[in-house]
């Protein structure tokens, strides 16, 4: 790449497109979304029970997903060890559990 191919771009800051007013003006307030529903001083009742049930469900799902991942990792490790044993030419690689009557 030669030095003729390189070009320095000049940074131009963005300006308000409407009337050039800065924040705090009426023009800036019109473009802002209505955030009143996220205000901490909500007038409706707080549904604490529903939120706690949702949190417990999320925790249970996370624990279940983690347990499934650990179980899968252990099973894959066992299968890998069994496959390594068979590929080395050994016999009796599979673990057979005796049924107790």
N, C-alpha and C. Protein backbone atom coordinates (compact mmCIF):
# COMPACT_ATOMS: atom_id res chain seq x y z
N UNK A 1 0.85 -1.17 0.00
CA UNK A 1 0.00 0.00 0.00
C UNK A 1 0.89 1.24 0.00
N UNK A 2 0.73 2.09 -0.96
CA UNK A 2 1.57 3.28 -1.05
C UNK A 2 0.98 4.40 -0.20
N UNK A 3 1.77 5.42 0.03
CA UNK A 3 1.31 6.54 0.86
C UNK A 3 0.23 7.35 0.14
N UNK A 4 0.09 7.20 -1.17
CA UNK A 4 -0.94 7.92 -1.91
C UNK A 4 -2.34 7.35 -1.64
N UNK A 5 -2.41 6.08 -1.24
CA UNK A 5 -3.70 5.44 -0.99
C UNK A 5 -4.27 5.79 0.37
N UNK A 6 -3.48 6.30 1.26
CA UNK A 6 -3.92 6.60 2.62
C UNK A 6 -4.56 7.97 2.67
N UNK A 7 -5.61 8.06 3.51
CA UNK A 7 -6.33 9.32 3.61
C UNK A 7 -6.75 9.52 5.05
N UNK A 8 -6.57 10.72 5.58
CA UNK A 8 -6.99 11.05 6.93
C UNK A 8 -8.38 11.67 6.84
N UNK A 9 -9.32 11.09 7.61
CA UNK A 9 -10.68 11.61 7.61
C UNK A 9 -10.86 12.59 8.75
N UNK A 10 -11.53 13.67 8.47
CA UNK A 10 -11.76 14.69 9.48
C UNK A 10 -13.02 14.35 10.26
N UNK A 11 -12.95 14.41 11.59
CA UNK A 11 -14.09 14.11 12.45
C UNK A 11 -15.01 15.33 12.47
N UNK A 12 -16.28 15.07 12.17
CA UNK A 12 -17.29 16.13 12.24
C UNK A 12 -18.34 15.72 13.27
N UNK A 13 -18.47 16.43 14.37
CA UNK A 13 -19.46 16.05 15.40
C UNK A 13 -20.87 16.23 14.87
N UNK A 14 -21.77 15.41 15.38
CA UNK A 14 -23.17 15.50 14.96
C UNK A 14 -23.84 16.70 15.61
N UNK A 15 -24.77 17.29 14.89
CA UNK A 15 -25.53 18.41 15.43
C UNK A 15 -27.01 18.08 15.35
N UNK A 16 -27.81 18.79 16.12
CA UNK A 16 -29.25 18.57 16.05
C UNK A 16 -29.76 19.03 14.70
N UNK A 17 -30.58 18.25 14.08
CA UNK A 17 -31.03 18.55 12.73
C UNK A 17 -32.14 19.60 12.69
N UNK A 18 -32.89 19.75 13.78
CA UNK A 18 -34.07 20.63 13.72
C UNK A 18 -33.70 22.11 13.74
N UNK A 19 -33.40 22.64 14.92
CA UNK A 19 -33.13 24.07 14.97
C UNK A 19 -31.78 24.39 15.58
N UNK A 20 -31.02 23.37 15.91
CA UNK A 20 -29.71 23.61 16.47
C UNK A 20 -29.73 23.83 17.96
N UNK A 21 -30.87 23.66 18.63
CA UNK A 21 -30.91 23.85 20.08
C UNK A 21 -30.23 22.67 20.76
N UNK A 22 -29.62 22.93 21.90
CA UNK A 22 -28.96 21.86 22.65
C UNK A 22 -29.95 21.22 23.61
N UNK A 23 -29.46 20.30 24.42
CA UNK A 23 -30.34 19.59 25.34
C UNK A 23 -30.98 20.56 26.32
N UNK A 24 -32.18 20.25 26.73
CA UNK A 24 -32.93 21.11 27.62
C UNK A 24 -33.96 21.94 26.87
N UNK A 25 -33.83 22.05 25.58
CA UNK A 25 -34.79 22.80 24.80
C UNK A 25 -36.01 21.97 24.45
N UNK A 26 -37.03 22.61 23.93
CA UNK A 26 -38.27 21.92 23.57
C UNK A 26 -38.04 20.94 22.44
N UNK A 27 -37.14 21.26 21.53
CA UNK A 27 -36.89 20.39 20.40
C UNK A 27 -36.30 19.04 20.83
N UNK A 28 -35.43 19.06 21.84
CA UNK A 28 -34.81 17.83 22.31
C UNK A 28 -35.83 16.96 23.04
N UNK A 29 -36.80 17.59 23.71
CA UNK A 29 -37.79 16.82 24.46
C UNK A 29 -38.76 16.09 23.54
N UNK A 30 -39.04 16.64 22.38
CA UNK A 30 -39.97 16.00 21.45
C UNK A 30 -39.45 14.67 20.93
N UNK A 31 -38.15 14.56 20.71
CA UNK A 31 -37.57 13.35 20.17
C UNK A 31 -37.35 12.26 21.21
N UNK A 32 -37.41 12.60 22.50
CA UNK A 32 -37.16 11.62 23.55
C UNK A 32 -38.38 10.72 23.73
N UNK A 33 -38.17 9.42 23.92
CA UNK A 33 -39.30 8.52 24.15
C UNK A 33 -39.91 8.76 25.52
N UNK A 34 -41.12 8.30 25.70
CA UNK A 34 -41.81 8.47 26.97
C UNK A 34 -41.26 7.45 27.97
N UNK A 35 -40.53 7.93 28.96
CA UNK A 35 -39.91 7.05 29.95
C UNK A 35 -40.65 7.09 31.28
N UNK A 36 -41.84 7.61 31.29
CA UNK A 36 -42.60 7.72 32.54
C UNK A 36 -42.93 6.37 33.13
N UNK A 37 -43.09 5.36 32.31
CA UNK A 37 -43.45 4.05 32.84
C UNK A 37 -42.30 3.41 33.60
N UNK A 38 -41.06 3.89 33.42
CA UNK A 38 -39.92 3.36 34.15
C UNK A 38 -39.57 4.21 35.37
N UNK A 39 -40.36 5.20 35.64
CA UNK A 39 -40.11 6.07 36.77
C UNK A 39 -40.23 5.28 38.07
N UNK A 40 -39.37 5.59 39.05
CA UNK A 40 -39.40 4.85 40.31
C UNK A 40 -40.64 5.18 41.13
N UNK A 41 -41.26 6.30 40.90
CA UNK A 41 -42.45 6.69 41.66
C UNK A 41 -43.70 6.22 40.93
N UNK A 42 -43.79 4.93 40.69
CA UNK A 42 -44.96 4.39 40.01
C UNK A 42 -46.16 4.45 40.93
N UNK A 43 -47.31 4.63 40.34
CA UNK A 43 -48.53 4.72 41.14
C UNK A 43 -49.19 3.37 41.33
N UNK A 44 -48.91 2.38 40.48
CA UNK A 44 -49.53 1.07 40.58
C UNK A 44 -48.89 0.23 41.68
N UNK A 45 -49.60 -0.81 42.13
CA UNK A 45 -49.05 -1.66 43.19
C UNK A 45 -47.90 -2.52 42.65
N UNK A 46 -46.94 -2.78 43.51
CA UNK A 46 -45.80 -3.59 43.14
C UNK A 46 -46.19 -5.06 43.32
N UNK A 47 -46.06 -5.84 42.28
CA UNK A 47 -46.45 -7.24 42.34
C UNK A 47 -45.24 -8.06 42.79
N UNK A 48 -44.95 -7.98 44.09
CA UNK A 48 -43.78 -8.63 44.67
C UNK A 48 -43.85 -10.14 44.52
N UNK A 49 -45.01 -10.72 44.77
CA UNK A 49 -45.17 -12.18 44.70
C UNK A 49 -44.87 -12.70 43.29
N UNK A 50 -45.38 -12.01 42.29
CA UNK A 50 -45.15 -12.45 40.91
C UNK A 50 -43.67 -12.35 40.53
N UNK A 51 -43.01 -11.30 40.98
CA UNK A 51 -41.59 -11.15 40.69
C UNK A 51 -40.76 -12.22 41.38
N UNK A 52 -41.11 -12.56 42.61
CA UNK A 52 -40.36 -13.59 43.34
C UNK A 52 -40.57 -14.97 42.71
N UNK A 53 -41.77 -15.26 42.24
CA UNK A 53 -42.03 -16.53 41.56
C UNK A 53 -41.23 -16.60 40.27
N UNK A 54 -41.18 -15.50 39.55
CA UNK A 54 -40.38 -15.47 38.31
C UNK A 54 -38.90 -15.65 38.62
N UNK A 55 -38.40 -15.03 39.69
CA UNK A 55 -37.00 -15.19 40.08
C UNK A 55 -36.70 -16.64 40.48
N UNK A 56 -37.59 -17.26 41.24
CA UNK A 56 -37.40 -18.66 41.63
C UNK A 56 -37.41 -19.58 40.41
N UNK A 57 -38.30 -19.31 39.47
CA UNK A 57 -38.34 -20.11 38.25
C UNK A 57 -37.04 -19.96 37.47
N UNK A 58 -36.51 -18.76 37.41
CA UNK A 58 -35.25 -18.52 36.69
C UNK A 58 -34.10 -19.23 37.39
N UNK A 59 -34.07 -19.20 38.72
CA UNK A 59 -33.01 -19.89 39.47
C UNK A 59 -33.12 -21.40 39.27
N UNK A 60 -34.35 -21.94 39.33
CA UNK A 60 -34.55 -23.39 39.13
C UNK A 60 -34.10 -23.81 37.74
N UNK A 61 -34.42 -23.00 36.74
CA UNK A 61 -34.01 -23.31 35.37
C UNK A 61 -32.49 -23.28 35.25
N UNK A 62 -31.84 -22.32 35.88
CA UNK A 62 -30.39 -22.21 35.83
C UNK A 62 -29.73 -23.41 36.51
N UNK A 63 -30.27 -23.81 37.67
CA UNK A 63 -29.72 -24.97 38.38
C UNK A 63 -29.90 -26.23 37.55
N UNK A 64 -31.08 -26.39 36.96
CA UNK A 64 -31.35 -27.57 36.13
C UNK A 64 -30.42 -27.61 34.91
N UNK A 65 -30.23 -26.47 34.28
CA UNK A 65 -29.34 -26.41 33.12
C UNK A 65 -27.90 -26.70 33.50
N UNK A 66 -27.46 -26.21 34.65
CA UNK A 66 -26.10 -26.48 35.13
C UNK A 66 -25.92 -27.96 35.45
N UNK A 67 -26.91 -28.56 36.12
CA UNK A 67 -26.83 -29.99 36.45
C UNK A 67 -26.79 -30.84 35.18
N UNK A 68 -27.60 -30.48 34.19
CA UNK A 68 -27.59 -31.22 32.93
C UNK A 68 -26.24 -31.09 32.23
N UNK A 69 -25.63 -29.93 32.29
CA UNK A 69 -24.31 -29.73 31.68
C UNK A 69 -23.24 -30.55 32.37
N UNK A 70 -23.28 -30.60 33.70
CA UNK A 70 -22.30 -31.39 34.45
C UNK A 70 -22.49 -32.87 34.15
N UNK A 71 -23.74 -33.34 34.15
CA UNK A 71 -24.02 -34.74 33.85
C UNK A 71 -23.51 -35.10 32.45
N UNK A 72 -23.76 -34.23 31.48
CA UNK A 72 -23.31 -34.48 30.11
C UNK A 72 -21.79 -34.53 30.03
N UNK A 73 -21.10 -33.65 30.74
CA UNK A 73 -19.64 -33.65 30.73
C UNK A 73 -19.09 -34.94 31.33
N UNK A 74 -19.69 -35.42 32.42
CA UNK A 74 -19.24 -36.67 33.04
C UNK A 74 -19.47 -37.85 32.10
N UNK A 75 -20.63 -37.89 31.47
CA UNK A 75 -20.93 -38.98 30.53
C UNK A 75 -19.96 -38.97 29.34
N UNK A 76 -19.66 -37.79 28.83
CA UNK A 76 -18.71 -37.70 27.71
C UNK A 76 -17.32 -38.15 28.13
N UNK A 77 -16.91 -37.83 29.35
CA UNK A 77 -15.61 -38.26 29.84
C UNK A 77 -15.57 -39.78 29.99
N UNK A 78 -16.65 -40.37 30.50
CA UNK A 78 -16.72 -41.83 30.61
C UNK A 78 -16.65 -42.49 29.23
N UNK A 79 -17.38 -41.96 28.28
CA UNK A 79 -17.36 -42.52 26.93
C UNK A 79 -15.97 -42.39 26.30
N UNK A 80 -15.30 -41.27 26.55
CA UNK A 80 -13.96 -41.08 26.01
C UNK A 80 -12.98 -42.09 26.61
N UNK A 81 -13.09 -42.32 27.92
CA UNK A 81 -12.22 -43.29 28.57
C UNK A 81 -12.48 -44.70 28.05
N UNK A 82 -13.75 -45.05 27.85
CA UNK A 82 -14.08 -46.37 27.32
C UNK A 82 -13.56 -46.52 25.89
N UNK A 83 -13.71 -45.48 25.10
CA UNK A 83 -13.23 -45.53 23.71
C UNK A 83 -11.71 -45.64 23.67
N UNK A 84 -11.01 -44.93 24.54
CA UNK A 84 -9.55 -45.03 24.60
C UNK A 84 -9.12 -46.44 24.97
N UNK A 85 -9.85 -47.06 25.90
CA UNK A 85 -9.54 -48.42 26.33
C UNK A 85 -9.71 -49.40 25.17
N UNK A 86 -10.80 -49.26 24.43
CA UNK A 86 -11.06 -50.15 23.30
C UNK A 86 -10.02 -49.94 22.20
N UNK A 87 -9.66 -48.72 21.93
CA UNK A 87 -8.69 -48.43 20.86
C UNK A 87 -7.29 -48.92 21.20
N UNK A 88 -6.98 -49.09 22.48
CA UNK A 88 -5.69 -49.64 22.87
C UNK A 88 -5.68 -51.16 22.76
N UNK A 89 -6.81 -51.78 22.43
CA UNK A 89 -6.87 -53.21 22.24
C UNK A 89 -7.15 -54.00 23.51
N UNK A 90 -7.53 -53.34 24.55
CA UNK A 90 -7.83 -54.03 25.80
C UNK A 90 -9.21 -54.67 25.73
N UNK A 91 -9.42 -55.63 26.60
CA UNK A 91 -10.73 -56.28 26.70
C UNK A 91 -11.37 -55.88 28.02
N UNK A 92 -12.64 -56.12 28.13
CA UNK A 92 -13.39 -55.81 29.35
C UNK A 92 -13.31 -54.33 29.71
N UNK A 93 -13.50 -53.47 28.72
CA UNK A 93 -13.44 -52.03 28.97
C UNK A 93 -14.77 -51.49 29.52
N UNK A 94 -15.85 -52.12 29.14
CA UNK A 94 -17.16 -51.63 29.59
C UNK A 94 -17.39 -52.06 31.03
N UNK A 95 -17.92 -51.16 31.82
CA UNK A 95 -18.23 -51.46 33.21
C UNK A 95 -19.60 -52.13 33.27
N UNK A 96 -19.63 -53.33 33.82
CA UNK A 96 -20.87 -54.08 33.95
C UNK A 96 -21.21 -54.16 35.43
N UNK A 97 -22.36 -53.66 35.76
CA UNK A 97 -22.75 -53.70 37.17
C UNK A 97 -23.58 -54.96 37.40
N UNK A 98 -23.24 -55.67 38.47
CA UNK A 98 -23.96 -56.90 38.81
C UNK A 98 -25.28 -56.54 39.49
N UNK A 99 -26.34 -57.15 39.03
CA UNK A 99 -27.65 -56.89 39.63
C UNK A 99 -27.77 -57.65 40.93
N UNK A 100 -28.18 -56.96 41.97
CA UNK A 100 -28.33 -57.60 43.29
C UNK A 100 -29.78 -58.05 43.43
N UNK A 101 -29.97 -59.35 43.70
CA UNK A 101 -31.32 -59.88 43.87
C UNK A 101 -31.69 -60.04 45.31
